[in-house]
N, C-alpha and C. Protein backbone atom coordinates (compact mmCIF):
# COMPACT_ATOMS: atom_id res chain seq x y z
N UNK A 1 -0.61 74.92 -14.94
CA UNK A 1 -1.67 74.76 -14.00
C UNK A 1 -2.45 73.48 -14.31
N UNK A 2 -2.80 72.70 -13.36
CA UNK A 2 -3.53 71.42 -13.58
C UNK A 2 -4.96 71.69 -13.98
N UNK A 3 -5.57 70.70 -14.71
CA UNK A 3 -6.94 70.83 -15.18
C UNK A 3 -7.88 71.05 -14.00
N UNK A 4 -7.65 70.32 -12.83
CA UNK A 4 -8.51 70.39 -11.72
C UNK A 4 -8.48 71.81 -11.05
N UNK A 5 -7.28 72.43 -11.10
CA UNK A 5 -7.14 73.77 -10.56
C UNK A 5 -7.94 74.81 -11.42
N UNK A 6 -7.84 74.65 -12.69
CA UNK A 6 -8.56 75.57 -13.65
C UNK A 6 -10.06 75.37 -13.37
N UNK A 7 -10.51 74.08 -13.35
CA UNK A 7 -11.95 73.82 -13.14
C UNK A 7 -12.43 74.39 -11.80
N UNK A 8 -11.68 74.23 -10.68
CA UNK A 8 -12.12 74.74 -9.39
C UNK A 8 -12.15 76.26 -9.39
N UNK A 9 -11.20 76.90 -9.98
CA UNK A 9 -11.25 78.41 -10.08
C UNK A 9 -12.47 78.85 -10.88
N UNK A 10 -12.73 78.17 -11.96
CA UNK A 10 -13.88 78.54 -12.79
C UNK A 10 -15.20 78.30 -12.03
N UNK A 11 -15.29 77.17 -11.31
CA UNK A 11 -16.51 76.89 -10.56
C UNK A 11 -16.75 78.03 -9.55
N UNK A 12 -15.71 78.46 -8.90
CA UNK A 12 -15.85 79.55 -7.89
C UNK A 12 -16.22 80.88 -8.58
N UNK A 13 -15.62 81.14 -9.73
CA UNK A 13 -15.82 82.43 -10.42
C UNK A 13 -17.09 82.48 -11.11
N UNK A 14 -17.69 81.37 -11.59
CA UNK A 14 -18.84 81.38 -12.50
C UNK A 14 -20.13 80.89 -11.90
N UNK A 15 -20.11 80.21 -10.78
CA UNK A 15 -21.37 79.63 -10.27
C UNK A 15 -22.11 80.59 -9.30
N UNK A 16 -22.48 81.71 -9.84
CA UNK A 16 -23.30 82.68 -9.14
C UNK A 16 -24.00 83.49 -10.18
N UNK A 17 -24.90 84.37 -9.81
CA UNK A 17 -25.58 85.10 -10.78
C UNK A 17 -26.42 84.22 -11.67
N UNK A 18 -26.38 84.45 -13.05
CA UNK A 18 -27.16 83.66 -13.94
C UNK A 18 -26.72 82.27 -14.20
N UNK A 19 -25.54 81.91 -13.72
CA UNK A 19 -24.88 80.64 -14.08
C UNK A 19 -24.77 79.72 -12.88
N UNK A 20 -25.07 78.50 -13.10
CA UNK A 20 -24.85 77.41 -12.08
C UNK A 20 -24.18 76.23 -12.72
N UNK A 21 -22.96 75.97 -12.27
CA UNK A 21 -22.19 74.85 -12.87
C UNK A 21 -21.89 73.86 -11.75
N UNK A 22 -21.88 72.56 -12.08
CA UNK A 22 -21.65 71.43 -11.15
C UNK A 22 -20.64 70.49 -11.71
N UNK A 23 -19.84 69.88 -10.79
CA UNK A 23 -18.88 68.87 -11.25
C UNK A 23 -19.67 67.69 -11.78
N UNK A 24 -19.20 67.11 -12.76
CA UNK A 24 -19.82 65.91 -13.38
C UNK A 24 -18.75 64.83 -13.54
N UNK A 25 -18.61 64.01 -12.52
CA UNK A 25 -17.59 63.02 -12.60
C UNK A 25 -18.19 61.76 -13.12
N UNK A 26 -17.56 61.23 -14.15
CA UNK A 26 -18.03 59.93 -14.69
C UNK A 26 -17.09 58.85 -14.17
N UNK A 27 -17.67 57.73 -13.78
CA UNK A 27 -16.80 56.65 -13.22
C UNK A 27 -17.60 55.31 -13.31
N UNK A 28 -16.86 54.26 -13.03
CA UNK A 28 -17.48 52.94 -13.02
C UNK A 28 -16.93 52.19 -11.78
N UNK A 29 -17.88 51.55 -11.10
CA UNK A 29 -17.53 50.76 -9.93
C UNK A 29 -18.28 49.43 -10.00
N UNK A 30 -18.20 48.65 -8.95
CA UNK A 30 -18.87 47.36 -8.96
C UNK A 30 -19.78 47.21 -7.75
N UNK A 31 -20.93 46.62 -8.04
CA UNK A 31 -21.86 46.37 -6.93
C UNK A 31 -22.09 44.83 -6.84
N UNK A 32 -22.67 44.40 -5.78
CA UNK A 32 -22.98 43.00 -5.54
C UNK A 32 -23.00 42.69 -4.08
N UNK A 33 -23.01 41.44 -3.79
CA UNK A 33 -23.02 40.99 -2.33
C UNK A 33 -21.61 40.76 -1.86
N UNK A 34 -21.26 41.48 -0.83
CA UNK A 34 -19.86 41.43 -0.25
C UNK A 34 -19.78 40.06 0.44
N UNK A 35 -18.77 39.24 0.08
CA UNK A 35 -18.54 37.97 0.65
C UNK A 35 -17.24 37.93 1.55
N UNK A 36 -16.38 38.87 1.31
CA UNK A 36 -15.12 38.92 2.18
C UNK A 36 -14.53 40.27 2.10
N UNK A 37 -13.86 40.64 3.22
CA UNK A 37 -13.11 41.94 3.28
C UNK A 37 -11.77 41.63 3.96
N UNK A 38 -10.72 42.07 3.34
CA UNK A 38 -9.35 41.95 3.88
C UNK A 38 -8.65 43.21 3.55
N UNK A 39 -8.48 44.04 4.59
CA UNK A 39 -7.76 45.36 4.33
C UNK A 39 -8.62 46.16 3.31
N UNK A 40 -7.88 46.55 2.23
CA UNK A 40 -8.57 47.33 1.24
C UNK A 40 -9.16 46.47 0.11
N UNK A 41 -9.12 45.14 0.21
CA UNK A 41 -9.63 44.21 -0.76
C UNK A 41 -11.03 43.75 -0.38
N UNK A 42 -11.97 43.93 -1.30
CA UNK A 42 -13.33 43.49 -1.06
C UNK A 42 -13.71 42.44 -2.15
N UNK A 43 -14.27 41.30 -1.74
CA UNK A 43 -14.73 40.33 -2.69
C UNK A 43 -16.21 40.35 -2.74
N UNK A 44 -16.74 40.47 -3.96
CA UNK A 44 -18.16 40.48 -4.12
C UNK A 44 -18.68 39.40 -4.97
N UNK A 45 -19.86 38.91 -4.74
CA UNK A 45 -20.50 37.85 -5.53
C UNK A 45 -21.71 38.44 -6.27
N UNK A 46 -22.06 37.82 -7.38
CA UNK A 46 -23.12 38.39 -8.19
C UNK A 46 -22.86 39.83 -8.64
N UNK A 47 -21.60 40.04 -9.04
CA UNK A 47 -21.17 41.38 -9.35
C UNK A 47 -21.83 41.94 -10.61
N UNK A 48 -21.97 43.29 -10.61
CA UNK A 48 -22.44 44.01 -11.77
C UNK A 48 -21.87 45.41 -11.74
N UNK A 49 -21.54 45.91 -12.99
CA UNK A 49 -20.98 47.26 -13.05
C UNK A 49 -22.02 48.35 -12.73
N UNK A 50 -21.53 49.37 -12.05
CA UNK A 50 -22.34 50.55 -11.77
C UNK A 50 -21.69 51.77 -12.35
N UNK A 51 -22.38 52.45 -13.24
CA UNK A 51 -21.84 53.61 -13.92
C UNK A 51 -22.42 54.89 -13.24
N UNK A 52 -21.51 55.83 -13.01
CA UNK A 52 -21.91 57.12 -12.41
C UNK A 52 -21.54 58.25 -13.28
N UNK A 53 -22.33 59.36 -13.15
CA UNK A 53 -22.09 60.52 -14.00
C UNK A 53 -23.17 60.60 -15.09
N UNK A 54 -23.13 61.67 -15.83
CA UNK A 54 -24.16 61.90 -16.83
C UNK A 54 -24.13 60.88 -17.99
N UNK A 55 -23.04 60.79 -18.69
CA UNK A 55 -22.86 59.75 -19.73
C UNK A 55 -21.43 59.81 -20.22
N UNK A 56 -20.99 58.81 -20.89
CA UNK A 56 -19.66 58.74 -21.41
C UNK A 56 -19.42 59.93 -22.32
N UNK A 57 -18.29 60.58 -22.13
CA UNK A 57 -17.98 61.77 -22.95
C UNK A 57 -18.51 63.08 -22.46
N UNK A 58 -19.38 63.04 -21.45
CA UNK A 58 -20.02 64.32 -20.96
C UNK A 58 -18.95 65.15 -20.32
N UNK A 59 -19.28 66.46 -20.29
CA UNK A 59 -18.23 67.44 -19.87
C UNK A 59 -17.92 67.36 -18.37
N UNK A 60 -16.79 67.95 -17.98
CA UNK A 60 -16.37 68.04 -16.58
C UNK A 60 -17.32 68.77 -15.73
N UNK A 61 -17.97 69.80 -16.31
CA UNK A 61 -18.95 70.59 -15.60
C UNK A 61 -20.23 70.72 -16.43
N UNK A 62 -21.37 70.64 -15.77
CA UNK A 62 -22.62 70.80 -16.49
C UNK A 62 -23.50 71.72 -15.62
N UNK A 63 -24.50 72.32 -16.22
CA UNK A 63 -25.36 73.17 -15.44
C UNK A 63 -26.22 73.99 -16.39
N UNK A 64 -26.42 75.27 -16.01
CA UNK A 64 -27.21 76.17 -16.88
C UNK A 64 -26.76 77.56 -16.78
N UNK A 65 -27.08 78.28 -17.78
CA UNK A 65 -26.84 79.74 -17.83
C UNK A 65 -28.17 80.39 -18.17
N UNK A 66 -28.67 81.16 -17.28
CA UNK A 66 -30.00 81.82 -17.43
C UNK A 66 -29.89 83.00 -18.38
N UNK A 67 -30.77 83.06 -19.33
CA UNK A 67 -30.82 84.25 -20.21
C UNK A 67 -32.26 84.77 -20.22
N UNK A 68 -32.32 86.02 -20.58
CA UNK A 68 -33.61 86.73 -20.65
C UNK A 68 -34.06 86.72 -22.15
N UNK A 69 -35.30 86.28 -22.40
CA UNK A 69 -35.75 86.27 -23.69
C UNK A 69 -36.06 87.69 -24.15
N UNK A 70 -36.07 87.96 -25.42
CA UNK A 70 -36.26 89.29 -25.99
C UNK A 70 -37.58 89.81 -25.58
N UNK A 71 -37.74 91.17 -25.58
CA UNK A 71 -38.98 91.79 -25.16
C UNK A 71 -40.25 91.26 -25.81
N UNK A 72 -40.20 90.87 -27.04
CA UNK A 72 -41.42 90.33 -27.67
C UNK A 72 -41.85 89.02 -27.02
N UNK A 73 -40.98 88.44 -26.19
CA UNK A 73 -41.46 87.19 -25.48
C UNK A 73 -41.67 87.54 -24.01
N UNK A 74 -41.95 88.74 -23.66
CA UNK A 74 -42.44 89.17 -22.32
C UNK A 74 -41.33 89.00 -21.26
N UNK A 75 -40.09 89.04 -21.62
CA UNK A 75 -39.07 89.02 -20.58
C UNK A 75 -38.89 87.73 -19.89
N UNK A 76 -39.42 86.67 -20.41
CA UNK A 76 -39.29 85.37 -19.71
C UNK A 76 -37.82 84.91 -19.69
N UNK A 77 -37.47 84.32 -18.57
CA UNK A 77 -36.08 83.80 -18.44
C UNK A 77 -36.13 82.36 -18.63
N UNK A 78 -35.11 81.82 -19.31
CA UNK A 78 -34.95 80.41 -19.50
C UNK A 78 -33.55 79.98 -19.08
N UNK A 79 -33.42 78.73 -18.76
CA UNK A 79 -32.11 78.16 -18.41
C UNK A 79 -31.54 77.42 -19.63
N UNK A 80 -30.39 77.78 -20.07
CA UNK A 80 -29.79 77.17 -21.23
C UNK A 80 -28.79 76.11 -20.70
N UNK A 81 -29.00 74.89 -21.14
CA UNK A 81 -28.05 73.82 -20.70
C UNK A 81 -26.65 74.17 -21.09
N UNK A 82 -25.71 74.09 -20.14
CA UNK A 82 -24.35 74.54 -20.32
C UNK A 82 -23.38 73.39 -19.95
N UNK A 83 -22.42 73.14 -20.78
CA UNK A 83 -21.43 72.08 -20.54
C UNK A 83 -20.08 72.67 -20.89
N UNK A 84 -19.16 72.63 -19.93
CA UNK A 84 -17.78 73.16 -20.23
C UNK A 84 -16.80 72.06 -19.88
N UNK A 85 -15.95 71.80 -20.87
CA UNK A 85 -14.89 70.76 -20.62
C UNK A 85 -13.60 71.49 -20.37
N UNK A 86 -13.03 71.31 -19.17
CA UNK A 86 -11.81 71.95 -18.79
C UNK A 86 -10.60 71.13 -19.14
N UNK A 87 -9.58 71.77 -19.58
CA UNK A 87 -8.36 71.07 -20.04
C UNK A 87 -7.14 71.82 -19.45
N UNK A 88 -6.10 71.08 -19.24
CA UNK A 88 -4.81 71.58 -18.90
C UNK A 88 -4.17 72.18 -20.13
N UNK A 89 -3.01 72.86 -20.01
CA UNK A 89 -2.41 73.66 -21.06
C UNK A 89 -2.39 72.94 -22.40
N UNK A 90 -2.01 71.73 -22.55
CA UNK A 90 -1.85 71.08 -23.82
C UNK A 90 -2.98 70.07 -24.07
N UNK A 91 -4.00 70.01 -23.20
CA UNK A 91 -5.06 69.02 -23.30
C UNK A 91 -6.01 69.37 -24.43
N UNK A 92 -6.61 68.31 -24.99
CA UNK A 92 -7.54 68.49 -26.02
C UNK A 92 -8.78 67.60 -25.69
N UNK A 93 -9.98 68.02 -26.00
CA UNK A 93 -11.19 67.18 -25.80
C UNK A 93 -11.07 65.89 -26.60
N UNK A 94 -11.60 64.77 -26.03
CA UNK A 94 -11.62 63.46 -26.74
C UNK A 94 -12.70 63.55 -27.81
N UNK A 95 -12.66 62.56 -28.67
CA UNK A 95 -13.77 62.51 -29.75
C UNK A 95 -15.14 62.32 -29.04
N UNK A 96 -15.21 61.57 -27.98
CA UNK A 96 -16.56 61.47 -27.29
C UNK A 96 -16.97 62.79 -26.65
N UNK A 97 -16.05 63.57 -26.10
CA UNK A 97 -16.40 64.83 -25.59
C UNK A 97 -16.81 65.79 -26.62
N UNK A 98 -16.18 65.82 -27.80
CA UNK A 98 -16.58 66.64 -28.91
C UNK A 98 -18.01 66.20 -29.39
N UNK A 99 -18.25 64.98 -29.49
CA UNK A 99 -19.59 64.46 -29.86
C UNK A 99 -20.59 64.96 -28.93
N UNK A 100 -20.36 64.81 -27.64
CA UNK A 100 -21.31 65.30 -26.60
C UNK A 100 -21.56 66.78 -26.83
N UNK A 101 -20.50 67.55 -26.95
CA UNK A 101 -20.60 68.98 -27.11
C UNK A 101 -21.40 69.37 -28.35
N UNK A 102 -21.22 68.65 -29.43
CA UNK A 102 -21.97 68.92 -30.67
C UNK A 102 -23.47 68.65 -30.44
N UNK A 103 -23.73 67.63 -29.70
CA UNK A 103 -25.19 67.26 -29.40
C UNK A 103 -25.79 68.42 -28.54
N UNK A 104 -25.01 68.93 -27.60
CA UNK A 104 -25.48 70.02 -26.73
C UNK A 104 -25.76 71.29 -27.55
N UNK A 105 -24.88 71.64 -28.39
CA UNK A 105 -25.06 72.80 -29.27
C UNK A 105 -26.15 72.58 -30.27
N UNK A 106 -26.30 71.44 -30.87
CA UNK A 106 -27.36 71.13 -31.81
C UNK A 106 -28.72 71.35 -31.19
N UNK A 107 -28.85 71.06 -29.85
CA UNK A 107 -30.05 71.23 -29.10
C UNK A 107 -30.33 72.63 -28.58
N UNK A 108 -29.36 73.56 -28.84
CA UNK A 108 -29.47 74.91 -28.42
C UNK A 108 -28.76 75.29 -27.13
N UNK A 109 -27.96 74.36 -26.65
CA UNK A 109 -27.19 74.59 -25.41
C UNK A 109 -25.84 75.23 -25.75
N UNK A 110 -25.12 75.52 -24.60
CA UNK A 110 -23.76 76.08 -24.65
C UNK A 110 -22.77 74.96 -24.41
N UNK A 111 -21.71 74.88 -25.16
CA UNK A 111 -20.69 73.99 -24.99
C UNK A 111 -19.36 74.58 -25.39
N UNK A 112 -18.27 74.22 -24.71
CA UNK A 112 -16.99 74.70 -25.19
C UNK A 112 -15.91 74.02 -24.26
N UNK A 113 -14.69 74.07 -24.81
CA UNK A 113 -13.52 73.60 -24.00
C UNK A 113 -12.81 74.86 -23.47
N UNK A 114 -12.40 74.78 -22.27
CA UNK A 114 -11.75 75.94 -21.60
C UNK A 114 -10.43 75.60 -20.98
N UNK A 115 -9.45 76.36 -21.18
CA UNK A 115 -8.09 76.22 -20.64
C UNK A 115 -7.84 77.23 -19.60
N UNK A 116 -8.89 78.14 -19.31
CA UNK A 116 -8.73 79.13 -18.25
C UNK A 116 -10.14 79.57 -17.85
N UNK A 117 -10.22 80.36 -16.84
CA UNK A 117 -11.53 80.92 -16.35
C UNK A 117 -12.00 81.88 -17.49
N UNK A 118 -11.05 82.58 -18.06
CA UNK A 118 -11.44 83.56 -19.11
C UNK A 118 -12.08 82.83 -20.30
N UNK A 119 -11.51 81.68 -20.71
CA UNK A 119 -12.13 80.87 -21.78
C UNK A 119 -13.56 80.50 -21.43
N UNK A 120 -13.82 80.10 -20.16
CA UNK A 120 -15.12 79.68 -19.70
C UNK A 120 -16.09 80.88 -19.78
N UNK A 121 -15.64 82.05 -19.43
CA UNK A 121 -16.45 83.25 -19.52
C UNK A 121 -16.86 83.55 -20.96
N UNK A 122 -15.91 83.32 -21.90
CA UNK A 122 -16.20 83.61 -23.35
C UNK A 122 -17.28 82.54 -23.80
N UNK A 123 -17.21 81.34 -23.33
CA UNK A 123 -18.25 80.32 -23.69
C UNK A 123 -19.62 80.82 -23.22
N UNK A 124 -19.70 81.32 -22.00
CA UNK A 124 -21.01 81.79 -21.44
C UNK A 124 -21.51 83.01 -22.25
N UNK A 125 -20.64 83.79 -22.80
CA UNK A 125 -21.06 84.95 -23.55
C UNK A 125 -21.32 84.68 -25.01
N UNK A 126 -21.21 83.40 -25.43
CA UNK A 126 -21.35 83.10 -26.86
C UNK A 126 -22.76 82.65 -27.23
N UNK A 127 -23.71 82.68 -26.34
CA UNK A 127 -25.02 82.19 -26.62
C UNK A 127 -25.74 82.84 -27.76
N UNK A 128 -26.17 82.09 -28.67
CA UNK A 128 -26.97 82.59 -29.79
C UNK A 128 -28.14 81.67 -29.90
N UNK A 129 -29.35 82.12 -29.67
CA UNK A 129 -30.48 81.18 -29.73
C UNK A 129 -30.72 80.62 -31.13
N UNK A 130 -31.16 79.36 -31.17
CA UNK A 130 -31.48 78.69 -32.45
C UNK A 130 -32.75 79.34 -33.00
N UNK A 131 -32.78 79.43 -34.29
CA UNK A 131 -34.02 79.84 -34.97
C UNK A 131 -34.91 78.62 -35.07
N UNK A 132 -36.17 78.76 -34.70
CA UNK A 132 -37.08 77.62 -34.77
C UNK A 132 -37.77 77.69 -36.14
N UNK A 133 -37.61 76.53 -36.83
CA UNK A 133 -38.22 76.42 -38.21
C UNK A 133 -39.70 76.30 -38.11
N UNK A 134 -40.38 77.03 -38.90
CA UNK A 134 -41.82 76.97 -38.98
C UNK A 134 -42.28 75.85 -39.92
N UNK A 135 -43.32 75.13 -39.54
CA UNK A 135 -43.78 74.04 -40.42
C UNK A 135 -44.68 74.51 -41.56
């Protein structure tokens, strides 16, 4: 199964209830003043790169997973930043994707690589809040 198929199935299965996930496409294009067009070729002057998406190495999907705080915190709900990197059968996260995921986890968010919808569900169920150090 292709990575995009796994991702689309997971988005349909997981983006309801306490979880909201969104596609996060990273790309680069060019902006500037168009000086000529011929078919599918565009010539631009004063060109500059335009980067789209969250950041280099960011996950295929980002969003949040709402959790309810323990009773001693009056049942307040919070949204936990969630990033899931989807991969095809033999795919592996890049070093940049691992670095992004480590940063998400270090900040108390959820991150993981998923090769199936079931893997993504396990990531959502793995939340363990960080202990806040007292000064």
